[in-house]
């Protein structure tokens, strides 16, 4: 008699274990902020890779159906999804953001963190490692420079900023959450009028722009980072410590 997968517990357990087996999927490099780049291997589980293929197949089939109907597909229209309603725009934004380049999010189930408390990769820049207790550095030793951060964002993505915000950045001030900014980042729709804060993700070397109301003292985004083990999860902090300690007499 042939047993179903459900009845064959041994086979089912073996398949479940295989789903959680990590496999390499890409080789990336990261800037250490101390004059060198290091390669690292990005991995995913067998189950995650299979799930992505399944999702891509489903999306492709749905797009073909929608295009046949003449109603578009999963792509964003020229006007952007904000015109359809900010709630829908937030869902679309959450589905399309790739967090794989944020080092402090490695091995973290980022979907458990509300989207407004996640750093948006488009608003991230790399800071230099200066060393612990150095002037102009955070507690972990990473450079703190809001001016550098926002000028880099302006150079890379001027489309994110209104004329008023461009003027603020060029005059050494931080930008604010306004209508132009919300068009690109609808997850911050409830933060209109907030100043944007230069936040070190998990206290590490990557800084992100975060609305002030989500970055209150040691609460807000900091609480979520502690709860989900994002705090102190940037591997380059330990590397920076080694290099700076070797330079000291």
C-alpha atoms as a PDB file:
ATOM      1  CA  UNK A   1       0.000   0.000   0.000  1.00  0.00           C
ATOM      2  CA  UNK A   2       1.351   3.431  -0.944  1.00  0.00           C
ATOM      3  CA  UNK A   3       1.373   5.905   1.941  1.00  0.00           C
ATOM      4  CA  UNK A   4       0.620   9.562   1.449  1.00  0.00           C
ATOM      5  CA  UNK A   5       3.212  12.154   2.479  1.00  0.00           C
ATOM      6  CA  UNK A   6       1.037  13.068   5.441  1.00  0.00           C
ATOM      7  CA  UNK A   7       1.010   9.458   6.663  1.00  0.00           C
ATOM      8  CA  UNK A   8       4.733   8.868   6.117  1.00  0.00           C
ATOM      9  CA  UNK A   9       6.150  10.862   9.036  1.00  0.00           C
ATOM     10  CA  UNK A  10       9.762   9.910   8.330  1.00  0.00           C
ATOM     11  CA  UNK A  11       9.633  11.273   4.788  1.00  0.00           C
ATOM     12  CA  UNK A  12       7.704  14.345   5.893  1.00  0.00           C
ATOM     13  CA  UNK A  13      10.267  15.129   8.612  1.00  0.00           C
ATOM     14  CA  UNK A  14      13.096  14.703   6.113  1.00  0.00           C
ATOM     15  CA  UNK A  15      11.453  17.117   3.661  1.00  0.00           C
ATOM     16  CA  UNK A  16      10.753  19.642   6.426  1.00  0.00           C
ATOM     17  CA  UNK A  17      14.400  19.482   7.490  1.00  0.00           C
ATOM     18  CA  UNK A  18      15.533  19.986   3.894  1.00  0.00           C
ATOM     19  CA  UNK A  19      13.387  23.126   3.623  1.00  0.00           C
ATOM     20  CA  UNK A  20      15.420  24.697   6.428  1.00  0.00           C
ATOM     21  CA  UNK A  21      18.789  23.759   4.919  1.00  0.00           C
ATOM     22  CA  UNK A  22      20.798  26.910   4.046  1.00  0.00           C
ATOM     23  CA  UNK A  23      22.278  27.130   0.546  1.00  0.00           C
ATOM     24  CA  UNK A  24      24.468  29.874  -1.038  1.00  0.00           C
ATOM     25  CA  UNK A  25      22.575  32.091  -3.484  1.00  0.00           C
ATOM     26  CA  UNK A  26      24.928  35.016  -4.159  1.00  0.00           C
ATOM     27  CA  UNK A  27      28.359  36.491  -3.485  1.00  0.00           C
ATOM     28  CA  UNK A  28      28.300  40.138  -2.441  1.00  0.00           C
ATOM     29  CA  UNK A  29      30.848  42.675  -1.224  1.00  0.00           C
ATOM     30  CA  UNK A  30      30.458  45.235   1.533  1.00  0.00           C
ATOM     31  CA  UNK A  31      32.396  48.427   2.160  1.00  0.00           C
ATOM     32  CA  UNK A  32      33.958  48.255   5.621  1.00  0.00           C
ATOM     33  CA  UNK A  33      34.308  52.028   5.818  1.00  0.00           C
ATOM     34  CA  UNK A  34      38.008  51.627   6.570  1.00  0.00           C
ATOM     35  CA  UNK A  35      39.386  51.521   3.053  1.00  0.00           C
ATOM     36  CA  UNK A  36      38.660  47.956   2.046  1.00  0.00           C
ATOM     37  CA  UNK A  37      35.820  45.793   0.782  1.00  0.00           C
ATOM     38  CA  UNK A  38      35.076  42.311   2.024  1.00  0.00           C
ATOM     39  CA  UNK A  39      33.244  39.545   0.161  1.00  0.00           C
ATOM     40  CA  UNK A  40      30.531  37.561   1.868  1.00  0.00           C
ATOM     41  CA  UNK A  41      28.220  34.767   0.791  1.00  0.00           C
ATOM     42  CA  UNK A  42      24.496  35.428   0.963  1.00  0.00           C
ATOM     43  CA  UNK A  43      22.453  32.354   1.780  1.00  0.00           C
ATOM     44  CA  UNK A  44      18.798  31.367   1.858  1.00  0.00           C
ATOM     45  CA  UNK A  45      17.041  28.185   2.865  1.00  0.00           C
ATOM     46  CA  UNK A  46      15.828  25.665   0.298  1.00  0.00           C
ATOM     47  CA  UNK A  47      12.266  26.492   1.333  1.00  0.00           C
ATOM     48  CA  UNK A  48      12.777  30.240   0.785  1.00  0.00           C
ATOM     49  CA  UNK A  49      14.255  29.723  -2.676  1.00  0.00           C
ATOM     50  CA  UNK A  50      11.421  27.386  -3.657  1.00  0.00           C
ATOM     51  CA  UNK A  51       8.885  29.875  -2.314  1.00  0.00           C
ATOM     52  CA  UNK A  52      10.350  32.711  -4.405  1.00  0.00           C
ATOM     53  CA  UNK A  53      10.150  30.604  -7.566  1.00  0.00           C
ATOM     54  CA  UNK A  54       6.552  29.704  -6.755  1.00  0.00           C
ATOM     55  CA  UNK A  55       5.631  33.347  -6.111  1.00  0.00           C
ATOM     56  CA  UNK A  56       7.334  34.484  -9.324  1.00  0.00           C
ATOM     57  CA  UNK A  57       5.451  31.842 -11.309  1.00  0.00           C
ATOM     58  CA  UNK A  58       2.126  32.879  -9.781  1.00  0.00           C
ATOM     59  CA  UNK A  59       2.821  36.575 -10.441  1.00  0.00           C
ATOM     60  CA  UNK A  60       3.776  35.885 -14.051  1.00  0.00           C
ATOM     61  CA  UNK A  61       0.569  33.942 -14.634  1.00  0.00           C
ATOM     62  CA  UNK A  62      -1.522  36.678 -13.015  1.00  0.00           C
ATOM     63  CA  UNK A  63       0.204  39.394 -15.063  1.00  0.00           C
ATOM     64  CA  UNK A  64      -0.498  37.500 -18.274  1.00  0.00           C
ATOM     65  CA  UNK A  65      -4.160  37.244 -17.289  1.00  0.00           C
ATOM     66  CA  UNK A  66      -4.400  40.921 -16.313  1.00  0.00           C
ATOM     67  CA  UNK A  67      -2.683  42.039 -19.510  1.00  0.00           C
ATOM     68  CA  UNK A  68      -5.071  39.925 -21.544  1.00  0.00           C
ATOM     69  CA  UNK A  69      -7.923  41.730 -19.774  1.00  0.00           C
ATOM     70  CA  UNK A  70      -6.239  45.060 -20.493  1.00  0.00           C
ATOM     71  CA  UNK A  71      -5.980  45.978 -16.819  1.00  0.00           C
ATOM     72  CA  UNK A  72      -2.192  46.052 -16.494  1.00  0.00           C
ATOM     73  CA  UNK A  73      -0.170  43.761 -14.259  1.00  0.00           C
ATOM     74  CA  UNK A  74       1.906  43.827 -11.106  1.00  0.00           C
ATOM     75  CA  UNK A  75       4.052  46.740 -12.316  1.00  0.00           C
ATOM     76  CA  UNK A  76       3.620  50.287 -10.982  1.00  0.00           C
ATOM     77  CA  UNK A  77       1.963  52.789 -13.278  1.00  0.00           C
ATOM     78  CA  UNK A  78       3.730  55.976 -14.332  1.00  0.00           C
ATOM     79  CA  UNK A  79       1.597  57.937 -11.887  1.00  0.00           C
ATOM     80  CA  UNK A  80       2.584  55.609  -9.041  1.00  0.00           C
ATOM     81  CA  UNK A  81       0.416  53.617  -6.701  1.00  0.00           C
ATOM     82  CA  UNK A  82      -0.149  56.521  -4.307  1.00  0.00           C
ATOM     83  CA  UNK A  83      -2.912  57.786  -6.581  1.00  0.00           C
ATOM     84  CA  UNK A  84      -4.888  54.617  -5.868  1.00  0.00           C
ATOM     85  CA  UNK A  85      -4.846  55.236  -2.134  1.00  0.00           C
ATOM     86  CA  UNK A  86      -2.054  55.454   0.381  1.00  0.00           C
ATOM     87  CA  UNK A  87      -3.086  52.225   2.111  1.00  0.00           C
ATOM     88  CA  UNK A  88      -2.659  50.252  -1.100  1.00  0.00           C
ATOM     89  CA  UNK A  89       0.602  52.096  -1.762  1.00  0.00           C
ATOM     90  CA  UNK A  90       2.002  50.962   1.584  1.00  0.00           C
ATOM     91  CA  UNK A  91       1.158  47.336   0.788  1.00  0.00           C
ATOM     92  CA  UNK A  92       2.795  47.655  -2.636  1.00  0.00           C
ATOM     93  CA  UNK A  93       5.859  49.266  -1.076  1.00  0.00           C
ATOM     94  CA  UNK A  94       6.189  46.506   1.522  1.00  0.00           C
ATOM     95  CA  UNK A  95       5.989  43.826  -1.167  1.00  0.00           C
ATOM     96  CA  UNK A  96       8.684  45.378  -3.363  1.00  0.00           C
ATOM     97  CA  UNK A  97      11.391  46.416  -0.889  1.00  0.00           C
ATOM     98  CA  UNK A  98      14.517  44.246  -0.888  1.00  0.00           C
ATOM     99  CA  UNK A  99      16.220  44.374   2.512  1.00  0.00           C
ATOM    100  CA  UNK A 100      19.070  41.985   1.644  1.00  0.00           C
ATOM    101  CA  UNK A 101      21.720  44.738   1.537  1.00  0.00           C
ATOM    102  CA  UNK A 102      21.053  45.858   5.112  1.00  0.00           C
ATOM    103  CA  UNK A 103      23.668  44.011   7.143  1.00  0.00           C
ATOM    104  CA  UNK A 104      21.949  44.334  10.521  1.00  0.00           C
ATOM    105  CA  UNK A 105      18.882  42.560   9.076  1.00  0.00           C
ATOM    106  CA  UNK A 106      20.798  39.364   8.214  1.00  0.00           C
ATOM    107  CA  UNK A 107      19.124  36.271   9.683  1.00  0.00           C
ATOM    108  CA  UNK A 108      16.224  38.466  10.889  1.00  0.00           C
ATOM    109  CA  UNK A 109      12.577  37.876   9.934  1.00  0.00           C
ATOM    110  CA  UNK A 110      12.091  41.517   8.988  1.00  0.00           C
ATOM    111  CA  UNK A 111       8.432  40.952   8.075  1.00  0.00           C
ATOM    112  CA  UNK A 112       7.676  40.797  11.811  1.00  0.00           C
ATOM    113  CA  UNK A 113       8.697  44.452  12.159  1.00  0.00           C
ATOM    114  CA  UNK A 114       6.042  47.036  11.136  1.00  0.00           C
ATOM    115  CA  UNK A 115       7.116  48.606   7.848  1.00  0.00           C
ATOM    116  CA  UNK A 116       7.356  52.115   9.270  1.00  0.00           C
ATOM    117  CA  UNK A 117       9.928  50.839  11.779  1.00  0.00           C
ATOM    118  CA  UNK A 118      12.076  49.167   9.114  1.00  0.00           C
ATOM    119  CA  UNK A 119      14.913  51.100   7.509  1.00  0.00           C
ATOM    120  CA  UNK A 120      14.144  51.680   3.834  1.00  0.00           C
ATOM    121  CA  UNK A 121      17.200  50.570   1.777  1.00  0.00           C
ATOM    122  CA  UNK A 122      16.702  53.509  -0.598  1.00  0.00           C
ATOM    123  CA  UNK A 123      17.403  55.856   2.316  1.00  0.00           C
ATOM    124  CA  UNK A 124      20.571  54.091   3.498  1.00  0.00           C
ATOM    125  CA  UNK A 125      24.188  55.241   3.239  1.00  0.00           C
ATOM    126  CA  UNK A 126      27.472  53.834   4.533  1.00  0.00           C
ATOM    127  CA  UNK A 127      29.311  55.511   7.402  1.00  0.00           C
ATOM    128  CA  UNK A 128      33.040  55.214   8.137  1.00  0.00           C
ATOM    129  CA  UNK A 129      34.341  53.381  11.182  1.00  0.00           C
ATOM    130  CA  UNK A 130      36.214  55.766  13.498  1.00  0.00           C
ATOM    131  CA  UNK A 131      36.542  53.691  16.657  1.00  0.00           C
ATOM    132  CA  UNK A 132      34.806  53.594  20.014  1.00  0.00           C
ATOM    133  CA  UNK A 133      34.930  56.758  22.134  1.00  0.00           C
ATOM    134  CA  UNK A 134      36.155  58.780  19.149  1.00  0.00           C
ATOM    135  CA  UNK A 135      34.795  62.255  18.519  1.00  0.00           C
ATOM    136  CA  UNK A 136      31.893  62.272  16.073  1.00  0.00           C
ATOM    137  CA  UNK A 137      31.221  58.542  16.478  1.00  0.00           C
ATOM    138  CA  UNK A 138      28.322  56.603  17.971  1.00  0.00           C
ATOM    139  CA  UNK A 139      28.686  54.133  20.847  1.00  0.00           C
ATOM    140  CA  UNK A 140      29.795  51.352  18.479  1.00  0.00           C
ATOM    141  CA  UNK A 141      32.416  53.576  16.833  1.00  0.00           C
ATOM    142  CA  UNK A 142      30.634  54.498  13.604  1.00  0.00           C
ATOM    143  CA  UNK A 143      30.792  57.995  12.141  1.00  0.00           C
ATOM    144  CA  UNK A 144      27.832  60.252  12.927  1.00  0.00           C
ATOM    145  CA  UNK A 145      27.262  62.803  10.194  1.00  0.00           C
ATOM    146  CA  UNK A 146      23.732  63.748   9.205  1.00  0.00           C
ATOM    147  CA  UNK A 147      25.091  66.258   6.686  1.00  0.00           C
ATOM    148  CA  UNK A 148      27.140  63.584   4.887  1.00  0.00           C
ATOM    149  CA  UNK A 149      24.209  61.166   4.941  1.00  0.00           C
ATOM    150  CA  UNK A 150      21.614  63.509   3.456  1.00  0.00           C
ATOM    151  CA  UNK A 151      23.993  64.968   0.876  1.00  0.00           C
ATOM    152  CA  UNK A 152      24.730  61.433  -0.349  1.00  0.00           C
ATOM    153  CA  UNK A 153      21.010  60.687  -0.578  1.00  0.00           C
ATOM    154  CA  UNK A 154      20.450  63.914  -2.502  1.00  0.00           C
ATOM    155  CA  UNK A 155      23.229  63.029  -4.958  1.00  0.00           C
ATOM    156  CA  UNK A 156      21.852  59.517  -5.511  1.00  0.00           C
ATOM    157  CA  UNK A 157      18.121  60.239  -5.456  1.00  0.00           C
ATOM    158  CA  UNK A 158      17.273  63.921  -6.015  1.00  0.00           C
ATOM    159  CA  UNK A 159      13.786  62.807  -7.056  1.00  0.00           C
ATOM    160  CA  UNK A 160      12.980  61.971  -3.419  1.00  0.00           C
ATOM    161  CA  UNK A 161      13.225  65.596  -2.340  1.00  0.00           C
ATOM    162  CA  UNK A 162      11.103  68.673  -2.984  1.00  0.00           C
ATOM    163  CA  UNK A 163      12.733  72.015  -3.814  1.00  0.00           C
ATOM    164  CA  UNK A 164      12.242  73.060  -0.193  1.00  0.00           C
ATOM    165  CA  UNK A 165      13.985  69.926   1.079  1.00  0.00           C
ATOM    166  CA  UNK A 166      16.833  70.300  -1.425  1.00  0.00           C
ATOM    167  CA  UNK A 167      17.369  73.823  -0.142  1.00  0.00           C
ATOM    168  CA  UNK A 168      17.361  72.568   3.449  1.00  0.00           C
ATOM    169  CA  UNK A 169      19.990  69.910   2.717  1.00  0.00           C
ATOM    170  CA  UNK A 170      22.206  72.332   0.795  1.00  0.00           C
ATOM    171  CA  UNK A 171      22.032  74.737   3.746  1.00  0.00           C
ATOM    172  CA  UNK A 172      23.116  72.059   6.219  1.00  0.00           C
ATOM    173  CA  UNK A 173      19.632  71.354   7.588  1.00  0.00           C
ATOM    174  CA  UNK A 174      17.829  68.011   7.667  1.00  0.00           C
ATOM    175  CA  UNK A 175      14.886  67.477   5.289  1.00  0.00           C
ATOM    176  CA  UNK A 176      11.320  66.938   6.476  1.00  0.00           C
ATOM    177  CA  UNK A 177       8.583  64.473   5.569  1.00  0.00           C
ATOM    178  CA  UNK A 178       6.470  66.342   3.003  1.00  0.00           C
ATOM    179  CA  UNK A 179       4.081  65.366   0.208  1.00  0.00           C
ATOM    180  CA  UNK A 180       6.871  64.759  -2.319  1.00  0.00           C
ATOM    181  CA  UNK A 181       8.675  62.468   0.115  1.00  0.00           C
ATOM    182  CA  UNK A 182       5.489  60.539   0.955  1.00  0.00           C
ATOM    183  CA  UNK A 183       4.907  59.816  -2.758  1.00  0.00           C
ATOM    184  CA  UNK A 184       8.076  57.715  -2.665  1.00  0.00           C
ATOM    185  CA  UNK A 185       7.722  56.486   0.926  1.00  0.00           C
ATOM    186  CA  UNK A 186       4.008  56.061   1.724  1.00  0.00           C
ATOM    187  CA  UNK A 187       4.877  54.076   4.867  1.00  0.00           C
ATOM    188  CA  UNK A 188       5.627  57.465   6.460  1.00  0.00           C
ATOM    189  CA  UNK A 189       2.276  59.068   5.616  1.00  0.00           C
ATOM    190  CA  UNK A 190       1.426  59.545   9.307  1.00  0.00           C
ATOM    191  CA  UNK A 191       4.723  61.356   9.937  1.00  0.00           C
ATOM    192  CA  UNK A 192       4.094  64.386   7.706  1.00  0.00           C
ATOM    193  CA  UNK A 193       5.970  67.409   9.012  1.00  0.00           C
ATOM    194  CA  UNK A 194       8.551  65.334  10.912  1.00  0.00           C
ATOM    195  CA  UNK A 195      12.226  66.078  10.531  1.00  0.00           C
ATOM    196  CA  UNK A 196      14.187  63.140   9.114  1.00  0.00           C
ATOM    197  CA  UNK A 197      16.714  61.728  11.561  1.00  0.00           C
ATOM    198  CA  UNK A 198      20.068  60.121  10.694  1.00  0.00           C
ATOM    199  CA  UNK A 199      19.633  56.685  12.323  1.00  0.00           C
ATOM    200  CA  UNK A 200      22.323  53.986  12.571  1.00  0.00           C
ATOM    201  CA  UNK A 201      20.557  50.684  11.834  1.00  0.00           C
ATOM    202  CA  UNK A 202      21.091  48.472  14.859  1.00  0.00           C
ATOM    203  CA  UNK A 203      23.839  50.874  15.934  1.00  0.00           C
ATOM    204  CA  UNK A 204      25.960  49.693  12.982  1.00  0.00           C
ATOM    205  CA  UNK A 205      27.692  51.273  10.017  1.00  0.00           C
ATOM    206  CA  UNK A 206      24.671  51.782   7.777  1.00  0.00           C
ATOM    207  CA  UNK A 207      22.595  54.880   8.424  1.00  0.00           C
ATOM    208  CA  UNK A 208      19.008  55.441   7.305  1.00  0.00           C
ATOM    209  CA  UNK A 209      16.686  58.431   7.219  1.00  0.00           C
ATOM    210  CA  UNK A 210      13.886  57.912   9.765  1.00  0.00           C
ATOM    211  CA  UNK A 211      11.032  60.289  10.723  1.00  0.00           C
ATOM    212  CA  UNK A 212      11.601  61.943  14.090  1.00  0.00           C
ATOM    213  CA  UNK A 213       8.381  60.653  15.672  1.00  0.00           C
ATOM    214  CA  UNK A 214       9.596  57.065  15.090  1.00  0.00           C
ATOM    215  CA  UNK A 215      13.010  57.827  16.609  1.00  0.00           C
ATOM    216  CA  UNK A 216      12.273  59.148  20.088  1.00  0.00           C
ATOM    217  CA  UNK A 217      15.232  58.834  22.461  1.00  0.00           C
ATOM    218  CA  UNK A 218      15.887  55.161  23.079  1.00  0.00           C
ATOM    219  CA  UNK A 219      12.292  54.164  22.255  1.00  0.00           C
ATOM    220  CA  UNK A 220      10.473  53.843  18.933  1.00  0.00           C
ATOM    221  CA  UNK A 221      12.606  52.156  16.295  1.00  0.00           C
ATOM    222  CA  UNK A 222      15.245  51.320  18.918  1.00  0.00           C
ATOM    223  CA  UNK A 223      12.773  49.156  20.845  1.00  0.00           C
ATOM    224  CA  UNK A 224      11.900  47.160  17.718  1.00  0.00           C
ATOM    225  CA  UNK A 225      15.582  46.694  16.916  1.00  0.00           C
ATOM    226  CA  UNK A 226      16.272  45.361  20.397  1.00  0.00           C
ATOM    227  CA  UNK A 227      13.210  43.101  20.386  1.00  0.00           C
ATOM    228  CA  UNK A 228      14.075  41.529  17.024  1.00  0.00           C
ATOM    229  CA  UNK A 229      17.851  41.196  17.671  1.00  0.00           C
ATOM    230  CA  UNK A 230      18.760  43.819  15.070  1.00  0.00           C
ATOM    231  CA  UNK A 231      20.757  45.774  17.632  1.00  0.00           C
ATOM    232  CA  UNK A 232      24.521  45.052  17.394  1.00  0.00           C
ATOM    233  CA  UNK A 233      23.912  42.731  14.410  1.00  0.00           C
ATOM    234  CA  UNK A 234      26.225  44.494  11.928  1.00  0.00           C
ATOM    235  CA  UNK A 235      29.228  42.139  11.473  1.00  0.00           C
ATOM    236  CA  UNK A 236      31.470  44.979  10.295  1.00  0.00           C
ATOM    237  CA  UNK A 237      31.495  46.533  13.763  1.00  0.00           C
ATOM    238  CA  UNK A 238      33.678  43.734  15.124  1.00  0.00           C
ATOM    239  CA  UNK A 239      35.945  43.938  12.060  1.00  0.00           C
ATOM    240  CA  UNK A 240      36.300  47.697  12.493  1.00  0.00           C
ATOM    241  CA  UNK A 241      37.239  47.228  16.140  1.00  0.00           C
ATOM    242  CA  UNK A 242      40.010  44.794  15.185  1.00  0.00           C
ATOM    243  CA  UNK A 243      41.528  47.115  12.574  1.00  0.00           C
ATOM    244  CA  UNK A 244      41.405  50.230  14.757  1.00  0.00           C
ATOM    245  CA  UNK A 245      42.886  48.399  17.749  1.00  0.00           C
ATOM    246  CA  UNK A 246      45.785  47.164  15.590  1.00  0.00           C
ATOM    247  CA  UNK A 247      46.591  50.726  14.527  1.00  0.00           C
ATOM    248  CA  UNK A 248      46.940  51.920  18.119  1.00  0.00           C
ATOM    249  CA  UNK A 249      50.407  51.747  19.778  1.00  0.00           C
END
